N, C-alpha and C. Protein backbone atom coordinates (compact mmCIF):
# COMPACT_ATOMS: atom_id res chain seq x y z
N UNK A 1 0.84 -1.19 0.00
CA UNK A 1 0.00 0.00 0.00
C UNK A 1 0.88 1.24 0.00
N UNK A 2 0.34 2.30 -0.55
CA UNK A 2 1.06 3.56 -0.64
C UNK A 2 1.13 4.26 0.71
N UNK A 3 2.08 5.19 0.82
CA UNK A 3 2.15 6.07 1.97
C UNK A 3 0.87 6.91 1.98
N UNK A 4 0.07 6.87 3.05
CA UNK A 4 -1.21 7.58 3.06
C UNK A 4 -1.07 9.09 3.02
N UNK A 5 0.14 9.60 3.30
CA UNK A 5 0.36 11.04 3.26
C UNK A 5 0.82 11.52 1.90
N UNK A 6 1.16 10.58 1.02
CA UNK A 6 1.51 10.91 -0.35
C UNK A 6 0.27 10.79 -1.23
N UNK A 7 -0.42 9.66 -1.04
CA UNK A 7 -1.68 9.42 -1.76
C UNK A 7 -2.60 8.69 -0.79
N UNK A 8 -3.67 9.35 -0.40
CA UNK A 8 -4.57 8.78 0.59
C UNK A 8 -5.43 7.70 -0.06
N UNK A 9 -5.40 6.53 0.54
CA UNK A 9 -6.19 5.40 0.05
C UNK A 9 -7.69 5.69 0.18
N UNK A 10 -8.46 5.06 -0.68
CA UNK A 10 -9.92 5.11 -0.62
C UNK A 10 -10.38 3.67 -0.42
N UNK A 11 -11.28 3.47 0.53
CA UNK A 11 -11.79 2.14 0.84
C UNK A 11 -13.28 2.09 0.59
N UNK A 12 -13.74 0.97 0.04
CA UNK A 12 -15.16 0.75 -0.22
C UNK A 12 -15.63 -0.45 0.57
N UNK A 13 -16.75 -0.29 1.24
CA UNK A 13 -17.40 -1.41 1.91
C UNK A 13 -18.79 -1.53 1.30
N UNK A 14 -19.59 -2.42 1.82
CA UNK A 14 -20.94 -2.57 1.29
C UNK A 14 -21.73 -1.27 1.35
N UNK A 15 -21.64 -0.56 2.48
CA UNK A 15 -22.46 0.63 2.68
C UNK A 15 -21.69 1.96 2.65
N UNK A 16 -20.36 1.90 2.71
CA UNK A 16 -19.60 3.12 2.90
C UNK A 16 -18.43 3.26 1.94
N UNK A 17 -18.02 4.51 1.77
CA UNK A 17 -16.75 4.86 1.15
C UNK A 17 -15.95 5.62 2.21
N UNK A 18 -14.70 5.24 2.40
CA UNK A 18 -13.80 5.97 3.27
C UNK A 18 -12.77 6.66 2.39
N UNK A 19 -12.69 7.98 2.51
CA UNK A 19 -11.77 8.77 1.70
C UNK A 19 -11.32 9.96 2.54
N UNK A 20 -10.29 10.66 2.07
CA UNK A 20 -9.79 11.81 2.80
C UNK A 20 -10.89 12.85 2.97
N UNK A 21 -10.94 13.43 4.15
CA UNK A 21 -11.91 14.47 4.47
C UNK A 21 -11.75 15.67 3.53
N UNK A 22 -12.81 16.41 3.32
CA UNK A 22 -12.79 17.60 2.48
C UNK A 22 -13.66 18.68 3.12
N UNK A 23 -13.34 19.93 2.87
CA UNK A 23 -14.18 21.02 3.40
C UNK A 23 -15.61 20.90 2.90
N UNK A 24 -15.82 20.28 1.76
CA UNK A 24 -17.16 20.10 1.21
C UNK A 24 -18.02 19.19 2.10
N UNK A 25 -17.39 18.46 3.01
CA UNK A 25 -18.12 17.55 3.89
C UNK A 25 -18.71 18.25 5.11
N UNK A 26 -18.38 19.51 5.32
CA UNK A 26 -18.73 20.21 6.56
C UNK A 26 -20.22 20.18 6.88
N UNK A 27 -21.05 20.51 5.94
CA UNK A 27 -22.50 20.57 6.21
C UNK A 27 -23.03 19.21 6.65
N UNK A 28 -22.65 18.16 5.93
CA UNK A 28 -23.10 16.81 6.29
C UNK A 28 -22.56 16.39 7.65
N UNK A 29 -21.27 16.65 7.89
CA UNK A 29 -20.64 16.19 9.14
C UNK A 29 -21.16 16.93 10.37
N UNK A 30 -21.68 18.12 10.17
CA UNK A 30 -22.21 18.86 11.31
C UNK A 30 -23.30 18.07 12.03
N UNK A 31 -24.07 17.29 11.29
CA UNK A 31 -25.12 16.46 11.91
C UNK A 31 -24.51 15.49 12.93
N UNK A 32 -23.35 14.96 12.64
CA UNK A 32 -22.66 14.06 13.57
C UNK A 32 -22.03 14.84 14.72
N UNK A 33 -21.28 15.87 14.39
CA UNK A 33 -20.48 16.58 15.39
C UNK A 33 -21.27 17.57 16.25
N UNK A 34 -22.54 17.78 15.95
CA UNK A 34 -23.40 18.61 16.80
C UNK A 34 -24.39 17.76 17.60
N UNK A 35 -24.39 16.47 17.39
CA UNK A 35 -25.34 15.55 18.03
C UNK A 35 -24.80 15.07 19.38
N UNK A 36 -25.45 15.44 20.49
CA UNK A 36 -24.98 15.00 21.81
C UNK A 36 -24.88 13.47 21.94
N UNK A 37 -25.75 12.72 21.27
CA UNK A 37 -25.68 11.25 21.33
C UNK A 37 -24.41 10.74 20.66
N UNK A 38 -24.02 11.34 19.55
CA UNK A 38 -22.77 10.95 18.87
C UNK A 38 -21.56 11.37 19.69
N UNK A 39 -21.60 12.56 20.25
CA UNK A 39 -20.48 13.13 20.99
C UNK A 39 -20.04 12.26 22.17
N UNK A 40 -20.98 11.54 22.76
CA UNK A 40 -20.64 10.68 23.89
C UNK A 40 -19.56 9.66 23.55
N UNK A 41 -19.49 9.24 22.29
CA UNK A 41 -18.60 8.17 21.88
C UNK A 41 -17.28 8.66 21.28
N UNK A 42 -17.13 9.97 21.10
CA UNK A 42 -15.90 10.49 20.51
C UNK A 42 -14.71 10.24 21.45
N UNK A 43 -13.57 9.94 20.86
CA UNK A 43 -12.32 9.83 21.61
C UNK A 43 -11.54 11.12 21.36
N UNK A 44 -11.54 11.99 22.35
CA UNK A 44 -10.82 13.25 22.22
C UNK A 44 -9.59 13.29 23.13
N UNK A 45 -9.13 12.13 23.58
CA UNK A 45 -7.92 12.07 24.38
C UNK A 45 -6.77 12.69 23.59
N UNK A 46 -6.02 13.57 24.25
CA UNK A 46 -4.86 14.25 23.65
C UNK A 46 -5.23 15.08 22.43
N UNK A 47 -6.46 15.52 22.33
CA UNK A 47 -6.89 16.32 21.19
C UNK A 47 -7.09 17.76 21.66
N UNK A 48 -6.79 18.76 20.82
CA UNK A 48 -6.84 20.15 21.28
C UNK A 48 -8.24 20.72 21.50
N UNK A 49 -9.28 20.02 21.07
CA UNK A 49 -10.66 20.48 21.30
C UNK A 49 -11.57 19.26 21.43
N UNK A 50 -12.82 19.49 21.81
CA UNK A 50 -13.72 18.38 22.12
C UNK A 50 -14.55 17.89 20.94
N UNK A 51 -14.34 18.45 19.75
CA UNK A 51 -15.05 18.02 18.53
C UNK A 51 -16.57 18.15 18.67
N UNK A 52 -17.00 19.17 19.35
CA UNK A 52 -18.43 19.48 19.47
C UNK A 52 -18.67 20.80 18.76
N UNK A 53 -19.45 20.76 17.69
CA UNK A 53 -19.63 21.95 16.87
C UNK A 53 -21.11 22.26 16.69
N UNK A 54 -21.40 23.55 16.52
CA UNK A 54 -22.79 23.99 16.36
C UNK A 54 -23.06 24.69 15.04
N UNK A 55 -22.01 25.06 14.31
CA UNK A 55 -22.21 25.78 13.06
C UNK A 55 -21.36 25.16 11.95
N UNK A 56 -21.76 25.40 10.72
CA UNK A 56 -20.99 24.92 9.57
C UNK A 56 -19.60 25.56 9.58
N UNK A 57 -19.52 26.83 9.96
CA UNK A 57 -18.21 27.49 10.01
C UNK A 57 -17.27 26.81 11.01
N UNK A 58 -17.78 26.42 12.16
CA UNK A 58 -16.95 25.69 13.14
C UNK A 58 -16.49 24.36 12.55
N UNK A 59 -17.38 23.69 11.85
CA UNK A 59 -17.03 22.41 11.23
C UNK A 59 -15.97 22.61 10.15
N UNK A 60 -16.13 23.64 9.33
CA UNK A 60 -15.14 23.93 8.29
C UNK A 60 -13.78 24.21 8.91
N UNK A 61 -13.75 25.00 9.98
CA UNK A 61 -12.48 25.29 10.64
C UNK A 61 -11.82 24.03 11.19
N UNK A 62 -12.62 23.13 11.73
CA UNK A 62 -12.08 21.87 12.21
C UNK A 62 -11.51 21.05 11.06
N UNK A 63 -12.23 20.98 9.96
CA UNK A 63 -11.76 20.23 8.78
C UNK A 63 -10.46 20.84 8.27
N UNK A 64 -10.37 22.15 8.24
CA UNK A 64 -9.12 22.81 7.84
C UNK A 64 -7.98 22.39 8.76
N UNK A 65 -8.26 22.32 10.05
CA UNK A 65 -7.25 21.86 11.02
C UNK A 65 -6.83 20.42 10.72
N UNK A 66 -7.83 19.55 10.51
CA UNK A 66 -7.51 18.15 10.20
C UNK A 66 -6.67 18.05 8.93
N UNK A 67 -7.00 18.84 7.92
CA UNK A 67 -6.24 18.80 6.66
C UNK A 67 -4.83 19.36 6.84
N UNK A 68 -4.67 20.38 7.71
CA UNK A 68 -3.34 20.89 8.01
C UNK A 68 -2.51 19.81 8.70
N UNK A 69 -3.13 19.12 9.67
CA UNK A 69 -2.45 18.03 10.36
C UNK A 69 -2.07 16.92 9.38
N UNK A 70 -2.95 16.63 8.44
CA UNK A 70 -2.66 15.63 7.40
C UNK A 70 -1.46 16.07 6.57
N UNK A 71 -1.41 17.34 6.18
CA UNK A 71 -0.29 17.84 5.36
C UNK A 71 1.04 17.76 6.12
N UNK A 72 0.96 17.76 7.46
CA UNK A 72 2.16 17.64 8.29
C UNK A 72 2.41 16.19 8.72
N UNK A 73 1.66 15.27 8.12
CA UNK A 73 1.78 13.83 8.37
C UNK A 73 1.54 13.44 9.83
N UNK A 74 0.60 14.15 10.47
CA UNK A 74 0.26 13.83 11.86
C UNK A 74 -0.73 12.67 11.94
N UNK A 75 -1.76 12.70 11.12
CA UNK A 75 -2.76 11.63 11.06
C UNK A 75 -3.58 11.80 9.79
N UNK A 76 -4.30 10.73 9.46
CA UNK A 76 -5.23 10.77 8.34
C UNK A 76 -6.63 10.79 8.93
N UNK A 77 -7.43 11.74 8.50
CA UNK A 77 -8.84 11.78 8.89
C UNK A 77 -9.65 11.42 7.66
N UNK A 78 -10.16 10.18 7.67
CA UNK A 78 -11.00 9.70 6.58
C UNK A 78 -12.43 10.15 6.81
N UNK A 79 -13.13 10.50 5.76
CA UNK A 79 -14.55 10.79 5.81
C UNK A 79 -15.29 9.49 5.54
N UNK A 80 -16.31 9.20 6.33
CA UNK A 80 -17.18 8.05 6.10
C UNK A 80 -18.38 8.55 5.31
N UNK A 81 -18.53 8.06 4.09
CA UNK A 81 -19.63 8.47 3.23
C UNK A 81 -20.62 7.32 3.09
N UNK A 82 -21.87 7.57 3.41
CA UNK A 82 -22.93 6.59 3.20
C UNK A 82 -23.20 6.54 1.70
N UNK A 83 -22.95 5.38 1.09
CA UNK A 83 -23.13 5.23 -0.37
C UNK A 83 -24.56 5.47 -0.82
N UNK A 84 -25.54 5.03 -0.03
CA UNK A 84 -26.94 5.12 -0.45
C UNK A 84 -27.43 6.57 -0.57
N UNK A 85 -26.82 7.47 0.22
CA UNK A 85 -27.23 8.87 0.20
C UNK A 85 -26.14 9.80 -0.34
N UNK A 86 -24.95 9.23 -0.56
CA UNK A 86 -23.79 10.03 -0.95
C UNK A 86 -23.61 11.19 0.03
N UNK A 87 -23.63 10.84 1.33
CA UNK A 87 -23.59 11.84 2.39
C UNK A 87 -22.57 11.43 3.45
N UNK A 88 -21.77 12.42 3.91
CA UNK A 88 -20.80 12.18 4.97
C UNK A 88 -21.54 11.99 6.29
N UNK A 89 -21.20 10.91 7.01
CA UNK A 89 -21.91 10.60 8.25
C UNK A 89 -20.96 10.44 9.45
N UNK A 90 -19.67 10.65 9.22
CA UNK A 90 -18.71 10.54 10.31
C UNK A 90 -17.30 10.53 9.77
N UNK A 91 -16.34 10.28 10.68
CA UNK A 91 -14.94 10.23 10.27
C UNK A 91 -14.22 9.11 11.00
N UNK A 92 -13.12 8.70 10.41
CA UNK A 92 -12.19 7.76 11.03
C UNK A 92 -10.82 8.39 10.97
N UNK A 93 -10.16 8.44 12.11
CA UNK A 93 -8.79 8.96 12.17
C UNK A 93 -7.85 7.81 12.51
N UNK A 94 -6.67 7.83 11.88
CA UNK A 94 -5.66 6.82 12.19
C UNK A 94 -4.28 7.43 12.02
N UNK A 95 -3.37 7.04 12.90
CA UNK A 95 -1.95 7.34 12.73
C UNK A 95 -1.14 6.23 13.37
N UNK A 96 0.09 6.08 12.91
CA UNK A 96 0.94 5.00 13.40
C UNK A 96 2.41 5.29 13.14
N UNK A 97 3.11 4.31 12.58
CA UNK A 97 4.56 4.43 12.36
C UNK A 97 4.90 5.22 11.10
N UNK A 98 3.96 5.38 10.20
CA UNK A 98 4.17 6.22 9.02
C UNK A 98 3.76 7.63 9.42
N UNK A 99 4.59 8.61 9.17
CA UNK A 99 4.24 9.99 9.47
C UNK A 99 4.97 10.54 10.68
N UNK A 100 4.43 11.58 11.23
CA UNK A 100 5.07 12.42 12.23
C UNK A 100 5.27 11.75 13.59
N UNK A 101 4.30 11.01 14.10
CA UNK A 101 4.34 10.58 15.49
C UNK A 101 5.06 9.26 15.76
N UNK A 102 5.18 8.41 14.78
CA UNK A 102 5.90 7.13 14.93
C UNK A 102 5.45 6.40 16.21
N UNK A 103 4.23 5.94 16.20
CA UNK A 103 3.69 5.25 17.36
C UNK A 103 3.13 3.89 16.97
N UNK A 104 3.50 2.91 17.76
CA UNK A 104 2.92 1.57 17.66
C UNK A 104 2.63 1.17 19.10
N UNK A 105 1.39 1.08 19.50
CA UNK A 105 0.24 0.90 18.65
C UNK A 105 -0.19 2.17 17.93
N UNK A 106 -0.81 1.94 16.77
CA UNK A 106 -1.45 3.02 16.05
C UNK A 106 -2.74 3.37 16.76
N UNK A 107 -3.14 4.62 16.64
CA UNK A 107 -4.35 5.10 17.31
C UNK A 107 -5.47 5.26 16.28
N UNK A 108 -6.60 4.64 16.58
CA UNK A 108 -7.78 4.65 15.72
C UNK A 108 -8.91 5.36 16.45
N UNK A 109 -9.50 6.35 15.79
CA UNK A 109 -10.67 7.05 16.34
C UNK A 109 -11.81 6.90 15.32
N UNK A 110 -12.98 6.56 15.81
CA UNK A 110 -14.15 6.44 14.93
C UNK A 110 -15.27 7.31 15.50
N UNK A 111 -15.59 8.37 14.77
CA UNK A 111 -16.70 9.27 15.12
C UNK A 111 -17.78 9.05 14.08
N UNK A 112 -18.97 8.70 14.54
CA UNK A 112 -20.03 8.37 13.59
C UNK A 112 -21.38 8.90 14.11
N UNK A 113 -22.24 9.28 13.20
CA UNK A 113 -23.57 9.75 13.59
C UNK A 113 -24.28 8.68 14.42
N UNK A 114 -25.01 9.12 15.42
CA UNK A 114 -25.59 8.19 16.40
C UNK A 114 -26.49 7.14 15.78
N UNK A 115 -27.18 7.43 14.69
CA UNK A 115 -28.06 6.43 14.08
C UNK A 115 -27.26 5.34 13.35
N UNK A 116 -25.95 5.49 13.25
CA UNK A 116 -25.09 4.45 12.66
C UNK A 116 -24.32 3.67 13.73
N UNK A 117 -24.49 4.05 14.98
CA UNK A 117 -23.78 3.40 16.09
C UNK A 117 -24.51 2.10 16.42
N UNK A 118 -24.39 1.13 15.49
CA UNK A 118 -25.03 -0.17 15.69
C UNK A 118 -24.12 -1.29 15.18
N UNK A 119 -24.45 -2.51 15.56
CA UNK A 119 -23.62 -3.68 15.28
C UNK A 119 -23.23 -3.78 13.81
N UNK A 120 -24.18 -3.68 12.91
CA UNK A 120 -23.89 -3.90 11.49
C UNK A 120 -22.94 -2.87 10.91
N UNK A 121 -23.24 -1.60 11.14
CA UNK A 121 -22.39 -0.55 10.58
C UNK A 121 -21.01 -0.52 11.24
N UNK A 122 -20.98 -0.66 12.55
CA UNK A 122 -19.70 -0.65 13.25
C UNK A 122 -18.84 -1.85 12.83
N UNK A 123 -19.45 -2.98 12.64
CA UNK A 123 -18.72 -4.16 12.18
C UNK A 123 -18.07 -3.89 10.83
N UNK A 124 -18.81 -3.31 9.95
CA UNK A 124 -18.31 -2.98 8.61
C UNK A 124 -17.13 -2.01 8.69
N UNK A 125 -17.26 -0.98 9.50
CA UNK A 125 -16.22 0.04 9.59
C UNK A 125 -14.96 -0.46 10.30
N UNK A 126 -15.14 -1.10 11.45
CA UNK A 126 -13.95 -1.61 12.15
C UNK A 126 -13.28 -2.73 11.36
N UNK A 127 -14.06 -3.51 10.63
CA UNK A 127 -13.47 -4.58 9.80
C UNK A 127 -12.56 -4.02 8.72
N UNK A 128 -13.00 -2.96 8.04
CA UNK A 128 -12.15 -2.38 6.98
C UNK A 128 -10.87 -1.81 7.58
N UNK A 129 -10.94 -1.29 8.80
CA UNK A 129 -9.74 -0.79 9.47
C UNK A 129 -8.79 -1.93 9.80
N UNK A 130 -9.32 -3.01 10.36
CA UNK A 130 -8.49 -4.18 10.71
C UNK A 130 -7.86 -4.77 9.45
N UNK A 131 -8.61 -4.83 8.38
CA UNK A 131 -8.10 -5.43 7.14
C UNK A 131 -7.02 -4.60 6.46
N UNK A 132 -6.98 -3.29 6.71
CA UNK A 132 -6.10 -2.42 5.93
C UNK A 132 -5.11 -1.56 6.71
N UNK A 133 -5.42 -1.21 7.94
CA UNK A 133 -4.62 -0.18 8.61
C UNK A 133 -3.30 -0.68 9.18
N UNK A 134 -3.16 -1.95 9.50
CA UNK A 134 -1.85 -2.44 9.98
C UNK A 134 -0.78 -2.18 8.94
N UNK A 135 -1.06 -2.59 7.71
CA UNK A 135 -0.10 -2.41 6.63
C UNK A 135 0.03 -0.94 6.24
N UNK A 136 -1.07 -0.24 6.10
CA UNK A 136 -1.05 1.14 5.65
C UNK A 136 -0.26 2.04 6.59
N UNK A 137 -0.41 1.82 7.89
CA UNK A 137 0.26 2.67 8.88
C UNK A 137 1.46 1.99 9.54
N UNK A 138 1.84 0.81 9.03
CA UNK A 138 3.03 0.07 9.48
C UNK A 138 3.04 -0.14 11.00
N UNK A 139 1.93 -0.65 11.53
CA UNK A 139 1.84 -0.91 12.96
C UNK A 139 1.57 -2.40 13.19
N UNK A 140 1.95 -2.85 14.36
CA UNK A 140 1.67 -4.23 14.78
C UNK A 140 0.44 -4.32 15.66
N UNK A 141 0.03 -3.16 16.22
CA UNK A 141 -1.11 -3.12 17.12
C UNK A 141 -1.92 -1.87 16.84
N UNK A 142 -3.24 -1.98 16.99
CA UNK A 142 -4.15 -0.84 16.87
C UNK A 142 -4.86 -0.67 18.21
N UNK A 143 -4.92 0.58 18.68
CA UNK A 143 -5.63 0.92 19.92
C UNK A 143 -6.80 1.83 19.57
N UNK A 144 -7.94 1.56 20.18
CA UNK A 144 -9.12 2.42 19.99
C UNK A 144 -9.88 2.49 21.30
N UNK A 145 -10.66 3.53 21.46
CA UNK A 145 -11.40 3.74 22.70
C UNK A 145 -12.87 3.40 22.49
N UNK A 146 -13.45 2.74 23.48
CA UNK A 146 -14.88 2.45 23.49
C UNK A 146 -15.35 2.49 24.93
N UNK A 147 -16.14 3.50 25.27
CA UNK A 147 -16.61 3.62 26.64
C UNK A 147 -17.55 2.46 26.97
N UNK A 148 -17.69 2.19 28.25
CA UNK A 148 -18.44 1.01 28.70
C UNK A 148 -19.87 0.97 28.18
N UNK A 149 -20.53 2.13 28.09
CA UNK A 149 -21.93 2.10 27.64
C UNK A 149 -22.08 2.00 26.12
N UNK A 150 -20.97 1.96 25.39
CA UNK A 150 -21.00 1.78 23.93
C UNK A 150 -21.09 0.29 23.63
N UNK A 151 -22.20 -0.32 24.01
CA UNK A 151 -22.35 -1.78 23.96
C UNK A 151 -22.07 -2.38 22.59
N UNK A 152 -22.64 -1.81 21.55
CA UNK A 152 -22.44 -2.35 20.20
C UNK A 152 -20.98 -2.23 19.78
N UNK A 153 -20.37 -1.12 20.08
CA UNK A 153 -18.96 -0.89 19.73
C UNK A 153 -18.07 -1.90 20.45
N UNK A 154 -18.29 -2.07 21.74
CA UNK A 154 -17.49 -3.02 22.52
C UNK A 154 -17.70 -4.44 22.00
N UNK A 155 -18.93 -4.80 21.69
CA UNK A 155 -19.23 -6.14 21.16
C UNK A 155 -18.47 -6.40 19.87
N UNK A 156 -18.48 -5.44 18.95
CA UNK A 156 -17.79 -5.62 17.67
C UNK A 156 -16.28 -5.68 17.88
N UNK A 157 -15.75 -4.82 18.72
CA UNK A 157 -14.31 -4.84 18.96
C UNK A 157 -13.87 -6.21 19.50
N UNK A 158 -14.61 -6.73 20.45
CA UNK A 158 -14.27 -8.05 21.01
C UNK A 158 -14.40 -9.13 19.94
N UNK A 159 -15.44 -9.06 19.13
CA UNK A 159 -15.64 -10.04 18.06
C UNK A 159 -14.47 -10.02 17.07
N UNK A 160 -13.89 -8.84 16.84
CA UNK A 160 -12.77 -8.70 15.92
C UNK A 160 -11.42 -8.98 16.57
N UNK A 161 -11.43 -9.35 17.85
CA UNK A 161 -10.19 -9.73 18.52
C UNK A 161 -9.54 -8.63 19.33
N UNK A 162 -10.21 -7.50 19.52
CA UNK A 162 -9.67 -6.45 20.38
C UNK A 162 -9.89 -6.86 21.83
N UNK A 163 -8.92 -6.52 22.68
CA UNK A 163 -9.01 -6.84 24.11
C UNK A 163 -8.92 -5.56 24.92
N UNK A 164 -9.69 -5.52 26.00
CA UNK A 164 -9.61 -4.40 26.92
C UNK A 164 -8.19 -4.33 27.46
N UNK A 165 -7.65 -3.11 27.58
CA UNK A 165 -6.25 -2.99 27.98
C UNK A 165 -6.01 -1.70 28.73
N UNK A 166 -5.02 -1.77 29.62
CA UNK A 166 -4.55 -0.59 30.33
C UNK A 166 -3.61 0.14 29.37
N UNK A 167 -4.09 1.20 28.76
CA UNK A 167 -3.32 1.91 27.74
C UNK A 167 -2.97 3.30 28.25
N UNK A 168 -1.73 3.49 28.62
CA UNK A 168 -1.26 4.77 29.17
C UNK A 168 -2.14 5.22 30.34
N UNK A 169 -2.53 4.25 31.17
CA UNK A 169 -3.36 4.52 32.35
C UNK A 169 -4.69 5.20 32.03
N UNK A 170 -5.21 4.94 30.83
CA UNK A 170 -6.50 5.49 30.43
C UNK A 170 -7.51 4.35 30.34
N UNK A 171 -8.70 4.59 30.85
CA UNK A 171 -9.72 3.54 30.78
C UNK A 171 -10.35 3.45 29.39
N UNK A 172 -11.04 2.37 29.16
CA UNK A 172 -11.90 2.20 27.99
C UNK A 172 -11.17 1.98 26.67
N UNK A 173 -9.92 1.52 26.72
CA UNK A 173 -9.20 1.25 25.47
C UNK A 173 -9.24 -0.23 25.15
N UNK A 174 -9.25 -0.50 23.86
CA UNK A 174 -9.21 -1.86 23.33
C UNK A 174 -8.07 -1.93 22.33
N UNK A 175 -7.29 -2.99 22.42
CA UNK A 175 -6.15 -3.16 21.53
C UNK A 175 -6.24 -4.49 20.81
N UNK A 176 -5.70 -4.50 19.60
CA UNK A 176 -5.64 -5.73 18.80
C UNK A 176 -4.32 -5.73 18.05
N UNK A 177 -3.59 -6.82 18.18
CA UNK A 177 -2.35 -6.94 17.43
C UNK A 177 -2.65 -7.46 16.03
N UNK A 178 -1.68 -7.37 15.16
CA UNK A 178 -1.87 -7.75 13.77
C UNK A 178 -2.29 -9.22 13.64
N UNK A 179 -1.83 -10.06 14.57
CA UNK A 179 -2.19 -11.47 14.52
C UNK A 179 -3.46 -11.77 15.32
N UNK A 180 -4.08 -10.73 15.86
CA UNK A 180 -5.33 -10.91 16.59
C UNK A 180 -5.16 -11.30 18.05
N UNK A 181 -3.93 -11.34 18.50
CA UNK A 181 -3.65 -11.69 19.91
C UNK A 181 -3.05 -10.47 20.58
N UNK A 182 -3.70 -9.96 21.60
CA UNK A 182 -3.20 -8.77 22.27
C UNK A 182 -2.86 -9.08 23.72
N UNK A 183 -1.60 -8.90 24.05
CA UNK A 183 -1.13 -8.98 25.42
C UNK A 183 -0.29 -7.74 25.62
N UNK A 184 -0.96 -6.62 25.79
CA UNK A 184 -0.29 -5.33 25.77
C UNK A 184 -0.80 -4.50 26.93
N UNK A 185 0.07 -4.10 27.79
CA UNK A 185 -0.27 -3.19 28.86
C UNK A 185 0.82 -2.16 28.99
N UNK A 186 0.44 -0.89 28.93
CA UNK A 186 1.40 0.20 29.09
C UNK A 186 1.14 0.90 30.39
């Protein structure tokens, strides 16, 4: 796979397209990032803001920030597009050994509109990450956050081989190694 900071990969699943975020996504994404139900599940650990927005202008400014970070090889923020509506419904962020931070485990964040926070959609999204992100970001382990009340998210993560782990003394993290066996505590 190519370096994601040179040419960002595009992924297709049954229901979604994952591609690099664009300012054109702001209006659609505001539905996700202004929804209190969606906001509960966001992982904003070590992030400069809480990703809670009320206006299209705030969303555009955030997207500009994400694209600046991408240009500096900090992380890739993929837009999740619902194929049936051709509408942005959330984002996936990932970074690892490729780019600025050189971290293994790689960090995966999945922000999605609350009406998509269910077993089927989450399975599809986390599966495409597991199938592609180890190689793309040159990591042996992926870490993601799922709070205890995110029942569907936790169920899918466990089904895909993620294990609850003490990750930098932060609660609610799940890790999965490339071979599906995680024995990782930091």
